[in-house]
PDB file of N, CA and C in Angstrom:
ATOM      1  N   MET A   1      -8.820  -7.184  -2.568  1.00  0.00           N
ATOM      2  CA  MET A   1      -9.842  -6.361  -3.192  1.00  0.00           C
ATOM      3  C   MET A   1     -10.561  -5.567  -2.105  1.00  0.00           C
ATOM      4  N   ASN A   2     -10.742  -4.304  -2.361  1.00  0.00           N
ATOM      5  CA  ASN A   2     -11.426  -3.414  -1.425  1.00  0.00           C
ATOM      6  C   ASN A   2     -12.932  -3.566  -1.607  1.00  0.00           C
ATOM      7  N   LEU A   3     -13.626  -4.045  -0.589  1.00  0.00           N
ATOM      8  CA  LEU A   3     -15.069  -4.280  -0.672  1.00  0.00           C
ATOM      9  C   LEU A   3     -15.878  -3.259   0.134  1.00  0.00           C
ATOM     10  N   SER A   4     -15.277  -2.127   0.436  1.00  0.00           N
ATOM     11  CA  SER A   4     -15.987  -1.137   1.247  1.00  0.00           C
ATOM     12  C   SER A   4     -17.035  -0.400   0.420  1.00  0.00           C
ATOM     13  N   ALA A   5     -18.067   0.064   1.100  1.00  0.00           N
ATOM     14  CA  ALA A   5     -19.126   0.822   0.432  1.00  0.00           C
ATOM     15  C   ALA A   5     -18.582   2.154  -0.087  1.00  0.00           C
ATOM     16  N   LYS A   6     -17.629   2.749   0.636  1.00  0.00           N
ATOM     17  CA  LYS A   6     -17.037   4.017   0.190  1.00  0.00           C
ATOM     18  C   LYS A   6     -16.355   3.852  -1.162  1.00  0.00           C
ATOM     19  N   PHE A   7     -15.619   2.756  -1.319  1.00  0.00           N
ATOM     20  CA  PHE A   7     -14.919   2.485  -2.576  1.00  0.00           C
ATOM     21  C   PHE A   7     -15.919   2.284  -3.709  1.00  0.00           C
ATOM     22  N   LEU A   8     -16.989   1.553  -3.430  1.00  0.00           N
ATOM     23  CA  LEU A   8     -18.022   1.307  -4.440  1.00  0.00           C
ATOM     24  C   LEU A   8     -18.705   2.611  -4.844  1.00  0.00           C
ATOM     25  N   ILE A   9     -18.992   3.463  -3.882  1.00  0.00           N
ATOM     26  CA  ILE A   9     -19.620   4.760  -4.173  1.00  0.00           C
ATOM     27  C   ILE A   9     -18.704   5.608  -5.048  1.00  0.00           C
ATOM     28  N   LYS A  10     -17.407   5.595  -4.749  1.00  0.00           N
ATOM     29  CA  LYS A  10     -16.446   6.357  -5.546  1.00  0.00           C
ATOM     30  C   LYS A  10     -16.417   5.836  -6.987  1.00  0.00           C
ATOM     31  N   LEU A  11     -16.473   4.509  -7.147  1.00  0.00           N
ATOM     32  CA  LEU A  11     -16.518   3.905  -8.483  1.00  0.00           C
ATOM     33  C   LEU A  11     -17.759   4.351  -9.250  1.00  0.00           C
ATOM     34  N   LEU A  12     -18.904   4.313  -8.578  1.00  0.00           N
ATOM     35  CA  LEU A  12     -20.151   4.718  -9.225  1.00  0.00           C
ATOM     36  C   LEU A  12     -20.088   6.181  -9.658  1.00  0.00           C
ATOM     37  N   GLU A  13     -19.584   7.036  -8.792  1.00  0.00           N
ATOM     38  CA  GLU A  13     -19.503   8.463  -9.126  1.00  0.00           C
ATOM     39  C   GLU A  13     -18.538   8.701 -10.280  1.00  0.00           C
ATOM     40  N   ASN A  14     -17.462   7.926 -10.349  1.00  0.00           N
ATOM     41  CA  ASN A  14     -16.514   8.066 -11.461  1.00  0.00           C
ATOM     42  C   ASN A  14     -17.120   7.613 -12.787  1.00  0.00           C
ATOM     43  N   HIS A  15     -18.163   6.793 -12.731  1.00  0.00           N
ATOM     44  CA  HIS A  15     -18.831   6.320 -13.945  1.00  0.00           C
ATOM     45  C   HIS A  15     -20.117   7.094 -14.237  1.00  0.00           C
ATOM     46  N   GLY A  16     -20.292   8.250 -13.621  1.00  0.00           N
ATOM     47  CA  GLY A  16     -21.397   9.131 -13.981  1.00  0.00           C
ATOM     48  C   GLY A  16     -22.642   9.020 -13.132  1.00  0.00           C
ATOM     49  N   TYR A  17     -22.631   8.193 -12.112  1.00  0.00           N
ATOM     50  CA  TYR A  17     -23.796   8.086 -11.226  1.00  0.00           C
ATOM     51  C   TYR A  17     -23.753   9.218 -10.210  1.00  0.00           C
ATOM     52  N   ILE A  18     -24.914   9.789  -9.925  1.00  0.00           N
ATOM     53  CA  ILE A  18     -24.993  10.869  -8.948  1.00  0.00           C
ATOM     54  C   ILE A  18     -25.871  10.426  -7.780  1.00  0.00           C
ATOM     55  N   PHE A  19     -25.545  10.941  -6.604  1.00  0.00           N
ATOM     56  CA  PHE A  19     -26.315  10.614  -5.413  1.00  0.00           C
ATOM     57  C   PHE A  19     -27.712  11.199  -5.556  1.00  0.00           C
ATOM     58  N   LYS A  20     -28.721  10.357  -5.387  1.00  0.00           N
ATOM     59  CA  LYS A  20     -30.101  10.791  -5.523  1.00  0.00           C
ATOM     60  C   LYS A  20     -30.724  11.043  -4.156  1.00  0.00           C
ATOM     61  N   ARG A  21     -30.680  10.035  -3.287  1.00  0.00           N
ATOM     62  CA  ARG A  21     -31.233  10.170  -1.946  1.00  0.00           C
ATOM     63  C   ARG A  21     -30.796   8.977  -1.115  1.00  0.00           C
ATOM     64  N   SER A  22     -31.107   9.028   0.164  1.00  0.00           N
ATOM     65  CA  SER A  22     -30.841   7.881   1.022  1.00  0.00           C
ATOM     66  C   SER A  22     -32.059   7.636   1.892  1.00  0.00           C
ATOM     67  N   LYS A  23     -32.217   6.383   2.258  1.00  0.00           N
ATOM     68  CA  LYS A  23     -33.294   6.026   3.162  1.00  0.00           C
ATOM     69  C   LYS A  23     -32.716   5.005   4.129  1.00  0.00           C
ATOM     70  N   GLY A  24     -32.520   5.413   5.344  1.00  0.00           N
ATOM     71  CA  GLY A  24     -31.880   4.536   6.309  1.00  0.00           C
ATOM     72  C   GLY A  24     -30.429   4.333   5.935  1.00  0.00           C
ATOM     73  N   SER A  25     -30.026   3.096   5.785  1.00  0.00           N
ATOM     74  CA  SER A  25     -28.637   2.794   5.467  1.00  0.00           C
ATOM     75  C   SER A  25     -28.433   2.460   3.988  1.00  0.00           C
ATOM     76  N   HIS A  26     -29.401   2.803   3.142  1.00  0.00           N
ATOM     77  CA  HIS A  26     -29.292   2.518   1.714  1.00  0.00           C
ATOM     78  C   HIS A  26     -29.201   3.825   0.926  1.00  0.00           C
ATOM     79  N   TYR A  27     -28.148   3.937   0.115  1.00  0.00           N
ATOM     80  CA  TYR A  27     -27.922   5.117  -0.703  1.00  0.00           C
ATOM     81  C   TYR A  27     -28.334   4.791  -2.129  1.00  0.00           C
ATOM     82  N   LEU A  28     -29.062   5.697  -2.757  1.00  0.00           N
ATOM     83  CA  LEU A  28     -29.509   5.498  -4.130  1.00  0.00           C
ATOM     84  C   LEU A  28     -28.738   6.429  -5.058  1.00  0.00           C
ATOM     85  N   PHE A  29     -28.177   5.849  -6.114  1.00  0.00           N
ATOM     86  CA  PHE A  29     -27.433   6.592  -7.114  1.00  0.00           C
ATOM     87  C   PHE A  29     -28.133   6.439  -8.448  1.00  0.00           C
ATOM     88  N   TYR A  30     -28.159   7.527  -9.234  1.00  0.00           N
ATOM     89  CA  TYR A  30     -28.921   7.556 -10.479  1.00  0.00           C
ATOM     90  C   TYR A  30     -28.032   8.020 -11.624  1.00  0.00           C
ATOM     91  N   LYS A  31     -28.254   7.417 -12.797  1.00  0.00           N
ATOM     92  CA  LYS A  31     -27.560   7.837 -14.012  1.00  0.00           C
ATOM     93  C   LYS A  31     -28.616   8.070 -15.083  1.00  0.00           C
ATOM     94  N   ALA A  32     -28.725   9.301 -15.557  1.00  0.00           N
ATOM     95  CA  ALA A  32     -29.771   9.678 -16.496  1.00  0.00           C
ATOM     96  C   ALA A  32     -29.567   9.067 -17.879  1.00  0.00           C
ATOM     97  N   GLU A  33     -28.315   8.837 -18.272  1.00  0.00           N
ATOM     98  CA  GLU A  33     -28.033   8.312 -19.612  1.00  0.00           C
ATOM     99  C   GLU A  33     -28.732   6.980 -19.865  1.00  0.00           C
ATOM    100  N   ASN A  34     -28.682   6.091 -18.877  1.00  0.00           N
ATOM    101  CA  ASN A  34     -29.303   4.784 -19.053  1.00  0.00           C
ATOM    102  C   ASN A  34     -30.515   4.593 -18.148  1.00  0.00           C
ATOM    103  N   ASN A  35     -30.924   5.641 -17.451  1.00  0.00           N
ATOM    104  CA  ASN A  35     -32.108   5.645 -16.593  1.00  0.00           C
ATOM    105  C   ASN A  35     -32.061   4.510 -15.562  1.00  0.00           C
ATOM    106  N   LYS A  36     -30.889   4.361 -14.907  1.00  0.00           N
ATOM    107  CA  LYS A  36     -30.713   3.313 -13.909  1.00  0.00           C
ATOM    108  C   LYS A  36     -30.542   3.905 -12.527  1.00  0.00           C
ATOM    109  N   THR A  37     -31.128   3.226 -11.560  1.00  0.00           N
ATOM    110  CA  THR A  37     -30.935   3.564 -10.157  1.00  0.00           C
ATOM    111  C   THR A  37     -30.256   2.381  -9.497  1.00  0.00           C
ATOM    112  N   ILE A  38     -29.163   2.645  -8.785  1.00  0.00           N
ATOM    113  CA  ILE A  38     -28.385   1.617  -8.107  1.00  0.00           C
ATOM    114  C   ILE A  38     -28.476   1.864  -6.609  1.00  0.00           C
ATOM    115  N   VAL A  39     -28.749   0.807  -5.854  1.00  0.00           N
ATOM    116  CA  VAL A  39     -28.871   0.901  -4.397  1.00  0.00           C
ATOM    117  C   VAL A  39     -27.610   0.325  -3.771  1.00  0.00           C
ATOM    118  N   VAL A  40     -26.982   1.114  -2.876  1.00  0.00           N
ATOM    119  CA  VAL A  40     -25.774   0.671  -2.179  1.00  0.00           C
ATOM    120  C   VAL A  40     -26.064   0.635  -0.683  1.00  0.00           C
ATOM    121  N   PRO A  41     -25.962  -0.546  -0.052  1.00  0.00           N
ATOM    122  CA  PRO A  41     -26.144  -0.613   1.392  1.00  0.00           C
ATOM    123  C   PRO A  41     -24.878  -0.128   2.099  1.00  0.00           C
ATOM    124  N   VAL A  42     -25.022   0.833   3.006  1.00  0.00           N
ATOM    125  CA  VAL A  42     -23.884   1.372   3.745  1.00  0.00           C
ATOM    126  C   VAL A  42     -24.147   1.127   5.225  1.00  0.00           C
ATOM    127  N   HIS A  43     -23.416   0.181   5.794  1.00  0.00           N
ATOM    128  CA  HIS A  43     -23.587  -0.169   7.204  1.00  0.00           C
ATOM    129  C   HIS A  43     -22.302   0.152   7.957  1.00  0.00           C
ATOM    130  N   GLY A  44     -22.113   1.422   8.220  1.00  0.00           N
ATOM    131  CA  GLY A  44     -20.914   1.851   8.945  1.00  0.00           C
ATOM    132  C   GLY A  44     -19.661   1.564   8.141  1.00  0.00           C
ATOM    133  N   ASN A  45     -18.662   1.012   8.824  1.00  0.00           N
ATOM    134  CA  ASN A  45     -17.400   0.694   8.150  1.00  0.00           C
ATOM    135  C   ASN A  45     -17.313  -0.769   7.738  1.00  0.00           C
ATOM    136  N   LYS A  46     -18.417  -1.491   7.786  1.00  0.00           N
ATOM    137  CA  LYS A  46     -18.407  -2.898   7.401  1.00  0.00           C
ATOM    138  C   LYS A  46     -18.231  -3.028   5.892  1.00  0.00           C
ATOM    139  N   ASP A  47     -17.456  -4.031   5.495  1.00  0.00           N
ATOM    140  CA  ASP A  47     -17.301  -4.334   4.077  1.00  0.00           C
ATOM    141  C   ASP A  47     -18.550  -5.039   3.570  1.00  0.00           C
ATOM    142  N   LEU A  48     -18.808  -4.861   2.281  1.00  0.00           N
ATOM    143  CA  LEU A  48     -19.902  -5.579   1.640  1.00  0.00           C
ATOM    144  C   LEU A  48     -19.461  -7.011   1.379  1.00  0.00           C
ATOM    145  N   LYS A  49     -20.408  -7.917   1.302  1.00  0.00           N
ATOM    146  CA  LYS A  49     -20.079  -9.281   0.919  1.00  0.00           C
ATOM    147  C   LYS A  49     -19.696  -9.278  -0.557  1.00  0.00           C
ATOM    148  N   LEU A  50     -18.822 -10.202  -0.938  1.00  0.00           N
ATOM    149  CA  LEU A  50     -18.295 -10.230  -2.301  1.00  0.00           C
ATOM    150  C   LEU A  50     -19.415 -10.343  -3.331  1.00  0.00           C
ATOM    151  N   GLY A  51     -20.391 -11.200  -3.093  1.00  0.00           N
ATOM    152  CA  GLY A  51     -21.495 -11.376  -4.035  1.00  0.00           C
ATOM    153  C   GLY A  51     -22.317 -10.114  -4.199  1.00  0.00           C
ATOM    154  N   THR A  52     -22.558  -9.414  -3.101  1.00  0.00           N
ATOM    155  CA  THR A  52     -23.309  -8.156  -3.152  1.00  0.00           C
ATOM    156  C   THR A  52     -22.537  -7.105  -3.936  1.00  0.00           C
ATOM    157  N   PHE A  53     -21.243  -7.000  -3.646  1.00  0.00           N
ATOM    158  CA  PHE A  53     -20.384  -6.034  -4.321  1.00  0.00           C
ATOM    159  C   PHE A  53     -20.378  -6.272  -5.832  1.00  0.00           C
ATOM    160  N   LEU A  54     -20.182  -7.529  -6.227  1.00  0.00           N
ATOM    161  CA  LEU A  54     -20.122  -7.852  -7.657  1.00  0.00           C
ATOM    162  C   LEU A  54     -21.477  -7.688  -8.334  1.00  0.00           C
ATOM    163  N   ALA A  55     -22.564  -7.974  -7.618  1.00  0.00           N
ATOM    164  CA  ALA A  55     -23.903  -7.803  -8.191  1.00  0.00           C
ATOM    165  C   ALA A  55     -24.197  -6.334  -8.457  1.00  0.00           C
ATOM    166  N   ILE A  56     -23.779  -5.461  -7.552  1.00  0.00           N
ATOM    167  CA  ILE A  56     -23.990  -4.019  -7.751  1.00  0.00           C
ATOM    168  C   ILE A  56     -23.170  -3.535  -8.937  1.00  0.00           C
ATOM    169  N   LEU A  57     -21.932  -4.017  -9.054  1.00  0.00           N
ATOM    170  CA  LEU A  57     -21.108  -3.652 -10.219  1.00  0.00           C
ATOM    171  C   LEU A  57     -21.776  -4.086 -11.520  1.00  0.00           C
ATOM    172  N   LYS A  58     -22.328  -5.296 -11.521  1.00  0.00           N
ATOM    173  CA  LYS A  58     -22.984  -5.817 -12.722  1.00  0.00           C
ATOM    174  C   LYS A  58     -24.205  -4.982 -13.073  1.00  0.00           C
ATOM    175  N   GLN A  59     -25.001  -4.601 -12.074  1.00  0.00           N
ATOM    176  CA  GLN A  59     -26.181  -3.768 -12.322  1.00  0.00           C
ATOM    177  C   GLN A  59     -25.784  -2.426 -12.905  1.00  0.00           C
ATOM    178  N   ALA A  60     -24.659  -1.881 -12.431  1.00  0.00           N
ATOM    179  CA  ALA A  60     -24.203  -0.566 -12.885  1.00  0.00           C
ATOM    180  C   ALA A  60     -23.510  -0.638 -14.234  1.00  0.00           C
ATOM    181  N   GLY A  61     -23.189  -1.846 -14.704  1.00  0.00           N
ATOM    182  CA  GLY A  61     -22.510  -1.976 -15.980  1.00  0.00           C
ATOM    183  C   GLY A  61     -21.020  -1.691 -15.902  1.00  0.00           C
ATOM    184  N   ILE A  62     -20.417  -1.918 -14.735  1.00  0.00           N
ATOM    185  CA  ILE A  62     -18.991  -1.676 -14.545  1.00  0.00           C
ATOM    186  C   ILE A  62     -18.286  -3.029 -14.592  1.00  0.00           C
ATOM    187  N   ASP A  63     -17.227  -3.117 -15.400  1.00  0.00           N
ATOM    188  CA  ASP A  63     -16.487  -4.365 -15.549  1.00  0.00           C
ATOM    189  C   ASP A  63     -15.562  -4.583 -14.349  1.00  0.00           C
ATOM    190  N   LYS A  64     -15.421  -5.839 -13.923  1.00  0.00           N
ATOM    191  CA  LYS A  64     -14.565  -6.164 -12.775  1.00  0.00           C
ATOM    192  C   LYS A  64     -13.107  -5.834 -13.034  1.00  0.00           C
ATOM    193  N   SER A  65     -12.692  -5.836 -14.291  1.00  0.00           N
ATOM    194  CA  SER A  65     -11.286  -5.566 -14.606  1.00  0.00           C
ATOM    195  C   SER A  65     -10.893  -4.119 -14.265  1.00  0.00           C
ATOM    196  N   GLU A  66     -11.868  -3.231 -14.128  1.00  0.00           N
ATOM    197  CA  GLU A  66     -11.589  -1.830 -13.804  1.00  0.00           C
ATOM    198  C   GLU A  66     -11.220  -1.641 -12.337  1.00  0.00           C
ATOM    199  N   LEU A  67     -11.409  -2.657 -11.516  1.00  0.00           N
ATOM    200  CA  LEU A  67     -11.089  -2.556 -10.087  1.00  0.00           C
ATOM    201  C   LEU A  67      -9.603  -2.513  -9.829  1.00  0.00           C
ATOM    202  N   ASN A  68      -8.808  -3.125 -10.689  1.00  0.00           N
ATOM    203  CA  ASN A  68      -7.384  -3.219 -10.464  1.00  0.00           C
ATOM    204  C   ASN A  68      -6.605  -2.005 -10.955  1.00  0.00           C
ATOM    205  N   GLN A  69      -7.280  -1.064 -11.548  1.00  0.00           N
ATOM    206  CA  GLN A  69      -6.579   0.106 -12.108  1.00  0.00           C
ATOM    207  C   GLN A  69      -6.307   1.133 -11.054  1.00  0.00           C
TER     208      GLN A  69
END
């Protein structure tokens, strides 16, 4: 499973989230339909921890089964 922040950002953008702003190493993505803001930590090329990755997916309302497509 790809746990990179780049992959997660691409997933969010494919589900309608748009880049709002960044502060330091945290990128904020916003979706107007459900009025949600999702924070993605981007620390260079380091992978996210599995729990962090899955928690962000859950907050965004993205099912884990969509990762394998």
